[in-house]
Amino acid sequence: MHKIILKTIFLFSFLNISFVIGQQDPQITHNMFDKFLYNPGVVGSQPSVNVGLLHRSQWVGVPGAPTTQNLTVESRVEALNGGLGLNVINDALGPLSTKTATLSYAYQLRLNENNQLGFGFSFGMMQIGFDEEWVTPDGQIDSSLPPSGSSATVPDIGLGLYFTSENYYLGLSITHLVPFEANFDGVSTFNPARHYYVAAGYDYDIDEQFSIRPSYYMKTDGVVFQMDFNVNAFYQQKHWAGFSYRIEDAIAFLVGFEITDNLTLGYAYDVVTSKLASETTGGHELMLRYSFDLDIMGKPDTRYKNVRFL
């Protein structure tokens, strides 16, 4: 039964495949930590170097379910009045895989002592591949899809704004800004859908030991909207626990802690609330992050007091 469900989902995701292939950007639960994944304006917003690794397995137990890996490296570069970053994404759904690598630059405009606005731009390449034959729910090979092993590469451009203050942030960004078309030998074409993002969060200190950080995350391709409402509680800026509600999709539970100085580990478990709930045991997501400060005189930190939790 679960195989039929997954194939049906994939079929609707790629409706009218002989003309255009559409796709959603990867979904992540650690969106309040891994903001550079979808917003180049984040680059250089803190006086630090940040390296992040993330792995996500969605709908565990369903064959061909989405999996995502993400590597981010970004740093403040004072000589550029901002920062530079590298973002690498590997995303797979059924027979389709997408590999993206982009370089980013953001100019960080200091508005005053506590407020800063980042203007970010990213450019790179996106490779779309069909790793295996697609078999329809009735067991037939879909001849309108490219053959197994086919791939095509297109440029990928993104823009982002990222405003930070001492206790809150607001981000607006666009991915796949220009709809470049990849052609699979006339069999089908691929047009990455332009995605729009809104992210916001607030840091409320209860006392010197504890803080609460609610946040909001919205993603849309102009047709489908996805919204996450998150709350995390932090202890000594090093350990956290919280939950996230993704409308009509899942409830997630998050925990994390500092392994050693500058190195943190986070885990999230998604409890699926959609119609797939009976076919999957949920979703798992691991995040590993290493951050260290840059000694920049006269550049006070904005947005959170610990760079490990930007």
Protein backbone atom coordinates (compact mmCIF):
# COMPACT_ATOMS: atom_id res chain seq x y z
CA MET A 1 0.00 0.00 0.00
CA HIS A 2 2.76 2.44 0.94
CA LYS A 3 4.49 1.95 -2.42
CA ILE A 4 1.30 2.95 -4.22
CA ILE A 5 0.93 6.03 -2.00
CA LEU A 6 4.51 7.18 -2.65
CA LYS A 7 4.18 6.65 -6.39
CA THR A 8 0.91 8.56 -6.43
CA ILE A 9 2.54 11.47 -4.59
CA PHE A 10 5.41 11.49 -7.06
CA LEU A 11 2.99 11.32 -10.00
CA PHE A 12 1.05 14.38 -8.84
CA SER A 13 4.30 16.23 -8.06
CA PHE A 14 5.33 15.87 -11.68
CA LEU A 15 2.01 16.29 -13.43
CA ASN A 16 2.33 17.14 -17.15
CA ILE A 17 5.86 15.79 -17.00
CA SER A 18 6.31 15.70 -20.78
CA PHE A 19 6.28 19.49 -20.79
CA VAL A 20 7.52 20.77 -17.46
CA ILE A 21 8.94 19.17 -14.34
CA GLY A 22 8.19 21.05 -11.14
CA GLN A 23 9.85 20.68 -7.75
CA GLN A 24 9.70 21.96 -4.21
CA ASP A 25 12.83 23.06 -2.36
CA PRO A 26 13.96 20.72 0.45
CA GLN A 27 11.97 20.80 3.65
CA ILE A 28 13.89 21.05 6.93
CA THR A 29 12.83 21.22 10.57
CA HIS A 30 15.98 23.02 11.79
CA ASN A 31 15.02 26.09 9.75
CA MET A 32 15.68 28.41 12.72
CA PHE A 33 19.33 27.27 12.79
CA ASP A 34 20.10 26.57 9.13
CA LYS A 35 18.89 29.88 7.70
CA PHE A 36 21.72 30.12 5.15
CA LEU A 37 20.15 27.13 3.36
CA TYR A 38 17.45 29.42 1.94
CA ASN A 39 18.73 32.99 2.51
CA PRO A 40 22.11 34.30 1.24
CA GLY A 41 21.54 37.51 3.20
CA VAL A 42 22.57 35.61 6.35
CA VAL A 43 26.21 35.38 5.17
CA GLY A 44 28.54 37.47 7.32
CA SER A 45 25.80 38.70 9.63
CA GLN A 46 27.86 37.57 12.64
CA PRO A 47 31.57 38.11 13.37
CA SER A 48 32.25 34.38 13.13
CA VAL A 49 33.01 31.41 10.90
CA ASN A 50 30.20 28.84 10.77
CA VAL A 51 30.27 25.34 9.30
CA GLY A 52 27.08 23.27 9.25
CA LEU A 53 26.12 19.74 8.23
CA LEU A 54 22.53 18.52 8.06
CA HIS A 55 20.91 15.23 7.12
CA ARG A 56 17.15 14.68 6.83
CA SER A 57 15.19 11.47 6.22
CA GLN A 58 11.52 12.20 5.62
CA TRP A 59 8.65 9.69 5.77
CA VAL A 60 10.83 6.86 7.07
CA GLY A 61 9.52 3.47 5.95
CA VAL A 62 8.16 4.67 2.60
CA PRO A 63 10.35 3.57 -0.34
CA GLY A 64 11.69 6.50 -2.36
CA ALA A 65 10.79 9.04 0.34
CA PRO A 66 12.70 12.37 0.35
CA THR A 67 16.21 12.57 1.79
CA THR A 68 18.30 15.72 2.04
CA GLN A 69 21.92 16.54 2.89
CA ASN A 70 23.21 20.09 3.30
CA LEU A 71 26.67 21.57 3.82
CA THR A 72 27.07 25.27 4.61
CA VAL A 73 30.23 27.26 5.18
CA GLU A 74 30.02 31.01 5.75
CA SER A 75 32.19 33.67 7.31
CA ARG A 76 32.39 37.34 7.98
CA VAL A 77 34.95 39.07 5.72
CA GLU A 78 35.49 42.54 7.06
CA ALA A 79 37.40 43.71 3.97
CA LEU A 80 34.22 43.09 1.94
CA ASN A 81 31.90 44.76 4.45
CA GLY A 82 30.01 41.51 4.69
CA GLY A 83 30.68 37.83 4.16
CA LEU A 84 31.19 34.91 1.80
CA GLY A 85 29.54 31.51 1.87
CA LEU A 86 29.24 28.10 0.22
CA ASN A 87 25.95 26.18 0.17
CA VAL A 88 25.79 22.57 -1.10
CA ILE A 89 22.50 20.64 -1.23
CA ASN A 90 21.82 17.04 -2.23
CA ASP A 91 18.11 16.23 -2.41
CA ALA A 92 16.40 13.04 -3.60
CA LEU A 93 12.76 12.03 -4.13
CA GLY A 94 11.95 8.72 -5.79
CA PRO A 95 13.91 8.50 -9.06
CA LEU A 96 14.67 12.24 -9.10
CA SER A 97 17.82 13.74 -7.55
CA THR A 98 18.87 17.39 -7.35
CA LYS A 99 22.37 18.55 -6.52
CA THR A 100 23.00 22.27 -6.01
CA ALA A 101 26.18 24.19 -5.20
CA THR A 102 26.14 27.97 -4.84
CA LEU A 103 28.53 30.69 -3.71
CA SER A 104 27.10 33.67 -1.84
CA TYR A 105 28.09 37.19 -0.95
CA ALA A 106 26.20 39.47 1.40
CA TYR A 107 26.82 43.13 2.14
CA GLN A 108 26.08 43.83 5.79
CA LEU A 109 24.91 47.39 6.40
CA ARG A 110 25.21 48.45 10.04
CA LEU A 111 22.22 50.69 10.72
CA ASN A 112 23.23 51.50 14.31
CA GLU A 113 24.89 49.81 17.27
CA ASN A 114 22.25 47.08 17.55
CA ASN A 115 20.72 46.76 14.09
CA GLN A 116 22.12 45.40 10.85
CA LEU A 117 20.70 44.66 7.38
CA GLY A 118 22.22 42.11 5.02
CA PHE A 119 21.78 42.16 1.24
CA GLY A 120 22.71 38.74 -0.16
CA PHE A 121 23.23 37.25 -3.61
CA SER A 122 23.97 33.63 -4.53
CA PHE A 123 25.01 32.05 -7.82
CA GLY A 124 25.77 28.45 -8.66
CA MET A 125 24.68 25.39 -10.58
CA MET A 126 21.87 22.90 -10.15
CA GLN A 127 22.10 19.37 -11.55
CA ILE A 128 18.87 17.42 -12.03
CA GLY A 129 19.12 13.68 -12.55
CA PHE A 130 16.88 10.65 -13.01
CA ASP A 131 18.64 7.83 -11.18
CA GLU A 132 16.24 4.99 -12.02
CA GLU A 133 13.29 4.12 -14.21
CA TRP A 134 9.97 5.53 -13.05
CA VAL A 135 7.25 2.89 -12.74
CA THR A 136 3.67 4.20 -12.52
CA PRO A 137 1.27 2.94 -9.82
CA ASP A 138 -0.19 0.44 -12.31
CA GLY A 139 3.27 -1.05 -12.96
CA GLN A 140 4.01 0.57 -16.33
CA ILE A 141 7.19 2.36 -17.42
CA ASP A 142 6.45 6.03 -18.08
CA SER A 143 8.00 6.73 -21.49
CA SER A 144 7.43 10.48 -21.11
CA LEU A 145 10.22 10.63 -18.51
CA PRO A 146 13.94 10.69 -19.35
CA PRO A 147 15.75 7.33 -19.24
CA SER A 148 17.62 6.21 -16.14
CA GLY A 149 20.96 7.98 -15.75
CA SER A 150 19.86 11.16 -17.54
CA SER A 151 20.91 14.52 -16.09
CA ALA A 152 20.88 18.21 -16.96
CA THR A 153 22.49 21.26 -15.36
CA VAL A 154 21.20 24.82 -15.11
CA PRO A 155 22.40 28.01 -13.37
CA ASP A 156 20.82 28.85 -10.03
CA ILE A 157 20.44 32.37 -8.62
CA GLY A 158 19.09 33.56 -5.28
CA LEU A 159 18.54 36.82 -3.39
CA GLY A 160 18.01 37.55 0.27
CA LEU A 161 17.51 40.25 2.89
CA TYR A 162 18.34 39.55 6.51
CA PHE A 163 17.68 42.07 9.29
CA THR A 164 19.16 41.40 12.73
CA SER A 165 18.77 43.17 16.02
CA GLU A 166 19.93 42.34 19.52
CA ASN A 167 16.89 40.17 20.23
CA TYR A 168 15.18 39.36 16.93
CA TYR A 169 15.66 38.75 13.22
CA LEU A 170 13.63 38.95 10.02
CA GLY A 171 14.56 37.35 6.71
CA LEU A 172 13.08 37.60 3.19
CA SER A 173 14.54 35.60 0.31
CA ILE A 174 13.97 34.10 -3.14
CA THR A 175 15.53 30.95 -4.59
CA HIS A 176 15.68 29.97 -8.29
CA LEU A 177 15.16 33.63 -9.16
CA VAL A 178 15.57 33.14 -12.93
CA PRO A 179 13.57 30.17 -14.32
CA PHE A 180 16.32 28.53 -16.39
CA GLU A 181 15.03 25.54 -18.35
CA ALA A 182 16.85 22.20 -18.53
CA ASN A 183 16.02 20.06 -21.55
CA PHE A 184 16.27 16.26 -21.42
CA ASP A 185 16.81 15.57 -25.14
CA GLY A 186 13.33 16.74 -26.02
CA VAL A 187 11.68 14.09 -23.81
CA SER A 188 10.87 16.53 -21.02
CA THR A 189 12.02 19.85 -19.56
CA PHE A 190 12.80 20.99 -16.06
CA ASN A 191 11.90 24.43 -14.70
CA PRO A 192 12.84 24.92 -11.03
CA ALA A 193 9.96 26.77 -9.41
CA ARG A 194 10.79 30.14 -7.88
CA HIS A 195 10.41 29.95 -4.09
CA TYR A 196 9.75 32.75 -1.62
CA TYR A 197 10.71 32.62 2.06
CA VAL A 198 9.85 34.57 5.18
CA ALA A 199 11.58 33.82 8.48
CA ALA A 200 11.40 35.63 11.81
CA GLY A 201 12.44 34.93 15.37
CA TYR A 202 12.69 36.53 18.81
CA ASP A 203 15.03 35.86 21.73
CA TYR A 204 13.45 36.40 25.16
CA ASP A 205 15.73 36.07 28.20
CA ILE A 206 13.92 34.68 31.23
CA ASP A 207 17.04 35.09 33.38
CA GLU A 208 20.78 34.66 33.02
CA GLN A 209 20.40 30.90 32.53
CA PHE A 210 17.24 30.41 30.46
CA SER A 211 15.81 31.94 27.30
CA ILE A 212 12.84 31.25 25.03
CA ARG A 213 13.09 31.64 21.25
CA PRO A 214 9.87 31.50 19.24
CA SER A 215 10.26 31.64 15.46
CA TYR A 216 8.23 31.52 12.27
CA TYR A 217 9.11 30.09 8.86
CA MET A 218 7.09 30.27 5.63
CA LYS A 219 7.92 28.85 2.20
CA THR A 220 5.85 29.07 -0.98
CA ASP A 221 6.22 28.56 -4.71
CA GLY A 222 3.16 30.74 -5.32
CA VAL A 223 0.87 27.70 -5.34
CA VAL A 224 1.61 25.71 -2.18
CA PHE A 225 2.29 27.37 1.18
CA GLN A 226 4.20 25.73 4.03
CA MET A 227 4.31 27.35 7.48
CA ASP A 228 6.24 26.31 10.59
CA PHE A 229 5.66 27.71 14.09
CA ASN A 230 8.57 26.95 16.41
CA VAL A 231 9.49 27.42 20.07
CA ASN A 232 12.84 26.45 21.60
CA ALA A 233 13.96 26.81 25.22
CA PHE A 234 17.70 27.33 25.83
CA TYR A 235 19.79 26.70 28.93
CA GLN A 236 23.07 28.61 29.26
CA GLN A 237 23.03 29.25 25.51
CA LYS A 238 24.39 25.70 25.05
CA HIS A 239 21.48 23.27 25.36
CA TRP A 240 17.97 23.44 23.96
CA ALA A 241 14.68 21.62 23.58
CA GLY A 242 11.56 22.61 21.73
CA PHE A 243 8.84 21.77 19.28
CA SER A 244 7.60 22.83 15.86
CA TYR A 245 4.21 22.68 14.21
CA ARG A 246 4.12 22.43 10.43
CA ILE A 247 0.55 23.09 9.29
CA GLU A 248 -1.18 20.04 7.81
CA ASP A 249 2.05 18.05 7.82
CA ALA A 250 3.83 17.31 11.09
CA ILE A 251 4.60 18.08 14.72
CA ALA A 252 8.34 18.00 15.42
CA PHE A 253 10.35 17.73 18.63
CA LEU A 254 13.86 19.22 18.78
CA VAL A 255 16.76 18.74 21.20
CA GLY A 256 20.37 19.87 21.06
CA PHE A 257 23.48 20.42 23.11
CA GLU A 258 27.06 21.60 22.92
CA ILE A 259 29.40 18.62 22.50
CA THR A 260 32.59 20.63 23.02
CA ASP A 261 33.47 24.30 22.78
CA ASN A 262 32.03 25.69 19.52
CA LEU A 263 30.62 22.31 18.36
CA THR A 264 26.88 21.62 18.72
CA LEU A 265 24.63 18.72 17.78
CA GLY A 266 20.89 18.96 17.12
CA TYR A 267 18.23 16.32 16.48
CA ALA A 268 14.62 16.64 15.36
CA TYR A 269 11.92 13.99 15.11
CA ASP A 270 8.86 14.66 12.96
CA VAL A 271 5.53 13.05 13.88
CA VAL A 272 3.57 13.03 10.62
CA THR A 273 -0.01 14.34 10.90
CA SER A 274 -0.96 14.19 7.21
CA LYS A 275 -2.63 11.27 5.41
CA LEU A 276 0.79 9.57 5.24
CA ALA A 277 0.75 9.07 9.03
CA SER A 278 -0.32 5.43 8.74
CA GLU A 279 2.46 4.61 6.24
CA THR A 280 5.52 6.08 7.98
CA THR A 281 7.23 6.06 11.35
CA GLY A 282 8.02 9.75 10.97
CA GLY A 283 11.06 11.77 9.99
CA HIS A 284 14.56 12.22 11.42
CA GLU A 285 16.93 15.15 11.09
CA LEU A 286 20.48 15.59 12.41
CA MET A 287 22.39 18.87 12.48
CA LEU A 288 26.07 19.33 13.35
CA ARG A 289 27.42 22.87 13.62
CA TYR A 290 30.86 24.30 14.33
CA SER A 291 31.28 28.02 14.98
CA PHE A 292 34.06 30.19 16.26
CA ASP A 293 34.36 33.94 16.78
CA LEU A 294 36.43 36.28 14.66
CA ASP A 295 38.24 38.91 16.67
CA ILE A 296 36.81 42.04 15.07
CA MET A 297 37.28 45.10 17.20
CA GLY A 298 34.45 47.59 17.28
CA LYS A 299 31.96 45.15 15.70
CA PRO A 300 29.55 44.15 18.46
CA ASP A 301 27.47 41.05 17.96
CA THR A 302 23.84 41.40 16.91
CA ARG A 303 21.18 38.74 17.03
CA TYR A 304 21.74 36.38 19.95
CA LYS A 305 24.61 36.44 22.34
CA ASN A 306 26.10 33.13 21.19
CA VAL A 307 27.11 32.66 17.55
CA ARG A 308 26.36 28.95 17.74
CA PHE A 309 22.66 29.75 17.49
CA LEU A 310 22.45 32.42 14.80
